[in-house]
Amino acid sequence: MKMYLISDNTETYEGLRLAGVEGIVVHDGASVVNTLKNTAADDGYGIILVTEKAYSYASEEIDQFMAAHTRPLITRIPDRHGSVSKSESITDFIKTGIGLDLG
């Protein structure tokens, strides 16, 4: 099962490429939604990572997609600048992403 990154910046994209994660850099909501739909249609991808800023471009559409589909797992991640919400931690991302409470 592979991961795919939808990012708004090249630094996050390049960093995850070094770890073997394929992806794309986008700068508008239509590109985010099109990439999400095309990637989700490929059964080879089990996890789609979306940087927080890319998520902000199309948050309503992404939330609707997540509500309508159980696969692939779609999760927001901070980019190189950190999380938009300073109160979120990696534990919060795990809880949101897979529903596992580590606390």
Protein backbone atom coordinates (compact mmCIF):
# COMPACT_ATOMS: atom_id res chain seq x y z
CA MET A 1 0.00 0.00 0.00
CA LYS A 2 1.48 3.32 -1.08
CA MET A 3 1.16 6.88 0.19
CA TYR A 4 0.61 9.98 -1.93
CA LEU A 5 1.26 13.59 -0.96
CA ILE A 6 -0.75 16.63 -2.01
CA SER A 7 1.41 19.58 -0.95
CA ASP A 8 1.41 23.33 -1.35
CA ASN A 9 5.19 23.67 -1.10
CA THR A 10 8.18 22.05 -2.71
CA GLU A 11 10.14 21.53 0.51
CA THR A 12 7.59 19.12 1.98
CA TYR A 13 7.20 17.47 -1.41
CA GLU A 14 10.96 16.97 -1.84
CA GLY A 15 11.41 15.74 1.73
CA LEU A 16 8.77 13.06 1.37
CA ARG A 17 10.05 12.12 -2.09
CA LEU A 18 13.34 11.25 -0.39
CA ALA A 19 11.33 8.87 1.81
CA GLY A 20 9.75 7.26 -1.26
CA VAL A 21 6.38 9.04 -1.15
CA GLU A 22 5.03 10.15 -4.50
CA GLY A 23 3.18 13.44 -4.72
CA ILE A 24 2.39 16.73 -6.34
CA VAL A 25 2.67 20.44 -5.53
CA VAL A 26 -0.58 22.38 -6.05
CA HIS A 27 -1.61 25.98 -5.48
CA ASP A 28 -5.39 26.05 -5.92
CA GLY A 29 -8.50 24.21 -4.80
CA ALA A 30 -9.39 22.73 -8.19
CA SER A 31 -5.98 21.07 -8.45
CA VAL A 32 -6.31 19.66 -4.93
CA VAL A 33 -9.74 18.17 -5.66
CA ASN A 34 -8.74 16.76 -9.07
CA THR A 35 -5.58 15.20 -7.64
CA LEU A 36 -7.50 13.76 -4.69
CA LYS A 37 -10.11 12.14 -6.92
CA ASN A 38 -7.56 10.76 -9.39
CA THR A 39 -5.32 9.39 -6.66
CA ALA A 40 -8.21 7.86 -4.72
CA ALA A 41 -9.33 6.06 -7.89
CA ASP A 42 -6.01 4.18 -7.93
CA ASP A 43 -6.35 1.17 -5.59
CA GLY A 44 -2.59 1.16 -5.05
CA TYR A 45 -2.77 4.18 -2.74
CA GLY A 46 -3.93 3.52 0.80
CA ILE A 47 -3.03 6.85 2.38
CA ILE A 48 -3.24 10.36 0.95
CA LEU A 49 -1.36 13.03 2.88
CA VAL A 50 -2.55 16.61 2.43
CA THR A 51 -0.58 19.52 3.85
CA GLU A 52 -2.65 21.88 5.97
CA LYS A 53 -2.35 24.77 3.52
CA ALA A 54 -3.34 22.58 0.54
CA TYR A 55 -6.27 21.36 2.66
CA SER A 56 -7.33 24.97 3.23
CA TYR A 57 -7.69 25.46 -0.54
CA ALA A 58 -10.51 22.89 -0.72
CA SER A 59 -11.45 21.94 2.84
CA GLU A 60 -15.19 21.54 2.20
CA GLU A 61 -14.67 19.32 -0.83
CA ILE A 62 -12.09 17.19 0.99
CA ASP A 63 -14.36 16.79 4.02
CA GLN A 64 -17.26 15.75 1.76
CA PHE A 65 -15.01 13.25 -0.02
CA MET A 66 -13.83 11.82 3.31
CA ALA A 67 -17.42 11.47 4.54
CA ALA A 68 -18.44 9.61 1.40
CA HIS A 69 -15.43 7.25 1.14
CA THR A 70 -13.76 4.91 3.60
CA ARG A 71 -10.65 4.38 1.47
CA PRO A 72 -8.07 5.69 1.06
CA LEU A 73 -7.22 7.23 4.41
CA ILE A 74 -6.87 10.98 3.95
CA THR A 75 -5.02 12.92 6.61
CA ARG A 76 -3.77 16.48 7.03
CA ILE A 77 -0.15 17.00 7.94
CA PRO A 78 1.82 20.11 8.88
CA ASP A 79 4.40 21.35 6.41
CA ARG A 80 7.90 22.59 7.11
CA HIS A 81 6.52 25.63 8.93
CA GLY A 82 4.76 23.48 11.52
CA SER A 83 1.09 23.07 12.31
CA VAL A 84 -1.44 25.82 11.70
CA SER A 85 -2.86 24.94 15.10
CA LYS A 86 -0.03 25.08 17.60
CA SER A 87 -2.02 22.94 20.04
CA GLU A 88 -2.02 19.88 17.75
CA SER A 89 0.57 17.22 18.33
CA ILE A 90 1.51 14.00 16.56
CA THR A 91 -0.81 12.19 18.99
CA ASP A 92 -3.71 14.32 17.74
CA PHE A 93 -2.85 13.43 14.12
CA ILE A 94 -2.81 9.72 14.95
CA LYS A 95 -6.12 9.97 16.79
CA THR A 96 -7.73 11.88 13.91
CA GLY A 97 -6.17 9.76 11.17
CA ILE A 98 -6.71 6.24 12.44
CA GLY A 99 -8.87 6.65 15.51
CA LEU A 100 -6.28 5.31 17.95
CA ASP A 101 -6.08 7.13 21.30
CA LEU A 102 -2.56 6.97 22.68
CA GLY A 103 -3.33 9.09 25.76
